[in-house]
Amino acid sequence: QVQLVESGGGSVQTGGSLRLSCTASGRTFSRNALAWFRLFPGKEREFVSSIDTSGTNTAYVDSVQGRFTISRDDAKSTVYLQMNNLKLEDTANYFCAAGEHVSQWGRRNGDNYDFWGQGTQVTVSS
């Protein structure tokens, strides 16, 4: 079992930055692929970014490519999402997810992740 707790959300103006953190409990963190998803009000969950167990293979939704960076620190059982140049459309509730059996081809699909955090709100205003 892996329990995930996100932090770092908040309110920021357009062009600003935030760093989300997601810390896990449990001994199997390093065996899990990790990802960030976000939920817009009234819309379906959207994949944001993922990172594999090696930390070298990452993926991003096109809308955040070049602005967001995902990273992991297995010694701290934490995955990060550095968000720069934030835009109004980045406003959402952000969730981290973990899964031990996530393939490269399935990493954008939330159904492939086993564990989820409770979410942290990011609000971008002009």
Foldseek 3Di string as FASTA:
>chain_A
DKAKAKDWADEEAAQAKIKMKIAIDDDCLLLKKKFKWWDDVPDDIFGAKIAHSVQPDMDGDPVQPPFWDWGDDVVRRMIMIIGGRDDQVVWTWMKMFIANDADPVRPGPPVRTDYMYPTDTHGYHD
